[in-house]
Amino acid sequence: MNLGIPSDPEELTMKLENGVITLGYGTGVMADEGNRFLIRNLYNPSGDTIDGKGYSGKLYFTITGPSGYVVPVMLREERFN
């Protein structure tokens, strides 16, 4: 499945900076009362949020589906050995 995420680091950086792709982190239950379970945009963490529920410390990127809705996708974590 192609989610439109480029493998070239320079192209990915350009798309993140231009807002074509958004990258964020979840605030989860540990955040302040009004900020629980948000997904904060890493390129504008002061106020920009991404629609969806964000689990604490998880990383998300967004894709635009065929219907035009923006969908957050949680990245899978793996342990380094």
N, C-alpha and C. Protein backbone atom coordinates (compact mmCIF):
# COMPACT_ATOMS: atom_id res chain seq x y z
N MET A 1 0.84 -1.18 0.00
CA MET A 1 0.00 0.00 0.00
C MET A 1 0.89 1.24 0.00
N ASN A 2 0.66 2.13 -0.92
CA ASN A 2 1.42 3.37 -1.00
C ASN A 2 0.63 4.47 -0.29
N LEU A 3 1.20 4.99 0.79
CA LEU A 3 0.54 6.05 1.55
C LEU A 3 1.02 7.44 1.17
N GLY A 4 1.85 7.53 0.15
CA GLY A 4 2.33 8.83 -0.30
C GLY A 4 3.46 9.39 0.55
N ILE A 5 4.13 8.55 1.33
CA ILE A 5 5.26 8.99 2.15
C ILE A 5 6.53 8.72 1.34
N PRO A 6 7.26 9.77 0.97
CA PRO A 6 8.47 9.56 0.17
C PRO A 6 9.59 8.94 1.00
N SER A 7 10.42 8.12 0.38
CA SER A 7 11.56 7.52 1.07
C SER A 7 12.78 8.43 1.03
N ASP A 8 12.79 9.40 0.13
CA ASP A 8 13.89 10.35 0.04
C ASP A 8 13.79 11.35 1.19
N PRO A 9 14.81 11.45 2.06
CA PRO A 9 14.73 12.33 3.22
C PRO A 9 14.50 13.80 2.87
N GLU A 10 15.10 14.28 1.79
CA GLU A 10 14.93 15.68 1.42
C GLU A 10 13.50 15.96 0.96
N GLU A 11 12.93 15.04 0.19
CA GLU A 11 11.56 15.20 -0.27
C GLU A 11 10.58 15.11 0.91
N LEU A 12 10.85 14.20 1.84
CA LEU A 12 10.01 14.07 3.03
C LEU A 12 10.06 15.34 3.86
N THR A 13 11.24 15.89 4.07
CA THR A 13 11.39 17.13 4.83
C THR A 13 10.63 18.27 4.17
N MET A 14 10.72 18.37 2.85
CA MET A 14 10.02 19.42 2.12
C MET A 14 8.50 19.28 2.30
N LYS A 15 7.98 18.06 2.21
CA LYS A 15 6.54 17.84 2.37
C LYS A 15 6.07 18.12 3.80
N LEU A 16 6.91 17.81 4.79
CA LEU A 16 6.58 18.12 6.18
C LEU A 16 6.56 19.63 6.41
N GLU A 17 7.56 20.34 5.88
CA GLU A 17 7.64 21.79 6.05
C GLU A 17 6.52 22.52 5.33
N ASN A 18 6.07 21.97 4.19
CA ASN A 18 4.99 22.60 3.42
C ASN A 18 3.60 22.18 3.90
N GLY A 19 3.53 21.24 4.84
CA GLY A 19 2.25 20.82 5.37
C GLY A 19 1.50 19.80 4.53
N VAL A 20 2.16 19.25 3.51
CA VAL A 20 1.53 18.21 2.69
C VAL A 20 1.35 16.94 3.53
N ILE A 21 2.36 16.62 4.33
CA ILE A 21 2.32 15.52 5.29
C ILE A 21 2.47 16.14 6.67
N THR A 22 1.67 15.68 7.61
CA THR A 22 1.83 16.17 8.98
C THR A 22 2.33 15.03 9.85
N LEU A 23 3.16 15.38 10.81
CA LEU A 23 3.73 14.43 11.75
C LEU A 23 3.42 14.96 13.14
N GLY A 24 2.90 14.09 14.00
CA GLY A 24 2.52 14.55 15.32
C GLY A 24 2.76 13.49 16.38
N TYR A 25 2.50 13.87 17.63
CA TYR A 25 2.63 12.96 18.76
C TYR A 25 1.38 13.03 19.62
N GLY A 26 1.05 11.93 20.27
CA GLY A 26 -0.13 11.87 21.12
C GLY A 26 0.17 12.38 22.52
N THR A 27 -0.81 13.07 23.11
CA THR A 27 -0.64 13.57 24.48
C THR A 27 -1.14 12.57 25.52
N GLY A 28 -2.13 11.77 25.18
CA GLY A 28 -2.62 10.73 26.08
C GLY A 28 -3.24 11.28 27.36
N VAL A 29 -3.37 10.41 28.34
CA VAL A 29 -4.05 10.73 29.59
C VAL A 29 -3.17 11.59 30.51
N MET A 30 -1.87 11.62 30.28
CA MET A 30 -0.95 12.34 31.17
C MET A 30 -0.95 13.85 30.94
N ALA A 31 -1.61 14.33 29.93
CA ALA A 31 -1.63 15.76 29.62
C ALA A 31 -2.58 16.51 30.55
N ASP A 32 -2.53 17.83 30.49
CA ASP A 32 -3.46 18.66 31.26
C ASP A 32 -4.89 18.33 30.88
N GLU A 33 -5.82 18.67 31.76
CA GLU A 33 -7.23 18.31 31.60
C GLU A 33 -7.78 18.63 30.21
N GLY A 34 -7.53 19.82 29.68
CA GLY A 34 -8.10 20.22 28.40
C GLY A 34 -7.33 19.70 27.19
N ASN A 35 -6.18 19.06 27.41
CA ASN A 35 -5.32 18.63 26.30
C ASN A 35 -5.14 17.13 26.23
N ARG A 36 -5.99 16.37 26.89
CA ARG A 36 -5.84 14.91 26.90
C ARG A 36 -6.24 14.30 25.56
N PHE A 37 -5.49 13.30 25.17
CA PHE A 37 -5.74 12.50 23.97
C PHE A 37 -5.77 13.32 22.68
N LEU A 38 -4.96 14.36 22.61
CA LEU A 38 -4.82 15.14 21.38
C LEU A 38 -3.63 14.60 20.59
N ILE A 39 -3.59 14.97 19.33
CA ILE A 39 -2.40 14.73 18.53
C ILE A 39 -1.84 16.10 18.16
N ARG A 40 -0.67 16.42 18.69
CA ARG A 40 -0.03 17.71 18.46
C ARG A 40 0.90 17.62 17.26
N ASN A 41 0.83 18.62 16.42
CA ASN A 41 1.69 18.70 15.25
C ASN A 41 3.11 19.01 15.70
N LEU A 42 4.09 18.21 15.28
CA LEU A 42 5.48 18.43 15.67
C LEU A 42 6.07 19.70 15.07
N TYR A 43 5.52 20.18 13.97
CA TYR A 43 6.05 21.39 13.35
C TYR A 43 5.40 22.64 13.91
N ASN A 44 4.36 22.51 14.73
CA ASN A 44 3.73 23.66 15.39
C ASN A 44 3.11 23.17 16.70
N PRO A 45 3.93 22.75 17.68
CA PRO A 45 3.41 22.15 18.89
C PRO A 45 2.69 23.10 19.82
N SER A 46 2.79 24.42 19.60
CA SER A 46 2.18 25.38 20.52
C SER A 46 0.67 25.40 20.44
N GLY A 47 0.07 25.03 19.34
CA GLY A 47 -1.37 25.11 19.28
C GLY A 47 -2.03 24.28 18.20
N ASP A 48 -1.25 23.87 17.21
CA ASP A 48 -1.81 23.14 16.08
C ASP A 48 -2.04 21.69 16.46
N THR A 49 -3.28 21.21 16.35
CA THR A 49 -3.57 19.82 16.64
C THR A 49 -4.11 19.14 15.38
N ILE A 50 -4.00 17.83 15.37
CA ILE A 50 -4.48 17.01 14.27
C ILE A 50 -5.72 16.29 14.76
N ASP A 51 -6.75 16.21 13.95
CA ASP A 51 -7.98 15.52 14.35
C ASP A 51 -7.68 14.06 14.65
N GLY A 52 -8.21 13.58 15.77
CA GLY A 52 -8.05 12.18 16.15
C GLY A 52 -7.66 12.08 17.61
N LYS A 53 -7.66 10.86 18.12
CA LYS A 53 -7.25 10.60 19.50
C LYS A 53 -5.81 10.14 19.51
N GLY A 54 -5.00 10.76 20.37
CA GLY A 54 -3.60 10.42 20.43
C GLY A 54 -3.21 9.81 21.75
N TYR A 55 -2.64 8.61 21.68
CA TYR A 55 -2.16 7.94 22.89
C TYR A 55 -0.81 8.52 23.29
N SER A 56 -0.54 8.53 24.57
CA SER A 56 0.63 9.18 25.14
C SER A 56 1.94 8.73 24.50
N GLY A 57 2.66 9.68 23.92
CA GLY A 57 3.97 9.43 23.36
C GLY A 57 4.00 8.73 22.01
N LYS A 58 2.88 8.35 21.47
CA LYS A 58 2.86 7.67 20.17
C LYS A 58 3.04 8.68 19.05
N LEU A 59 3.65 8.25 17.95
CA LEU A 59 3.86 9.11 16.80
C LEU A 59 2.81 8.82 15.73
N TYR A 60 2.35 9.88 15.07
CA TYR A 60 1.31 9.77 14.05
C TYR A 60 1.71 10.58 12.83
N PHE A 61 1.28 10.14 11.66
CA PHE A 61 1.30 10.97 10.47
C PHE A 61 -0.11 10.93 9.90
N THR A 62 -0.42 11.87 9.03
CA THR A 62 -1.76 11.90 8.48
C THR A 62 -1.73 11.66 6.98
N ILE A 63 -2.79 11.04 6.52
CA ILE A 63 -3.00 10.87 5.08
C ILE A 63 -4.40 11.37 4.77
N THR A 64 -4.60 11.78 3.54
CA THR A 64 -5.94 12.18 3.10
C THR A 64 -6.53 11.03 2.32
N GLY A 65 -7.66 10.54 2.80
CA GLY A 65 -8.32 9.40 2.17
C GLY A 65 -9.02 9.78 0.88
N PRO A 66 -9.56 8.79 0.17
CA PRO A 66 -10.23 9.04 -1.10
C PRO A 66 -11.45 9.95 -0.97
N SER A 67 -12.07 9.96 0.22
CA SER A 67 -13.24 10.81 0.43
C SER A 67 -12.87 12.23 0.83
N GLY A 68 -11.56 12.49 1.02
CA GLY A 68 -11.12 13.82 1.39
C GLY A 68 -10.91 14.01 2.88
N TYR A 69 -11.26 13.00 3.69
CA TYR A 69 -11.04 13.09 5.13
C TYR A 69 -9.58 12.88 5.47
N VAL A 70 -9.08 13.62 6.46
CA VAL A 70 -7.71 13.45 6.93
C VAL A 70 -7.73 12.39 8.02
N VAL A 71 -6.90 11.37 7.86
CA VAL A 71 -6.88 10.23 8.77
C VAL A 71 -5.52 10.13 9.45
N PRO A 72 -5.48 10.12 10.80
CA PRO A 72 -4.20 9.91 11.48
C PRO A 72 -3.85 8.43 11.50
N VAL A 73 -2.57 8.13 11.26
CA VAL A 73 -2.07 6.75 11.27
C VAL A 73 -0.96 6.67 12.31
N MET A 74 -1.12 5.77 13.29
CA MET A 74 -0.12 5.62 14.33
C MET A 74 1.04 4.76 13.81
N LEU A 75 2.25 5.22 14.05
CA LEU A 75 3.44 4.47 13.63
C LEU A 75 3.71 3.33 14.60
N ARG A 76 4.19 2.23 14.09
CA ARG A 76 4.51 1.07 14.92
C ARG A 76 5.88 1.24 15.54
N GLU A 77 6.00 0.84 16.78
CA GLU A 77 7.27 0.92 17.48
C GLU A 77 7.99 -0.42 17.43
N GLU A 78 9.31 -0.38 17.32
CA GLU A 78 10.12 -1.58 17.40
C GLU A 78 11.29 -1.32 18.32
N ARG A 79 11.69 -2.34 19.00
CA ARG A 79 12.81 -2.23 19.94
C ARG A 79 14.11 -2.49 19.21
N PHE A 80 15.13 -1.66 19.51
CA PHE A 80 16.46 -1.88 18.95
C PHE A 80 17.21 -2.88 19.82
N ASN A 81 17.93 -3.77 19.20
CA ASN A 81 18.76 -4.73 19.96
C ASN A 81 20.20 -4.35 19.91
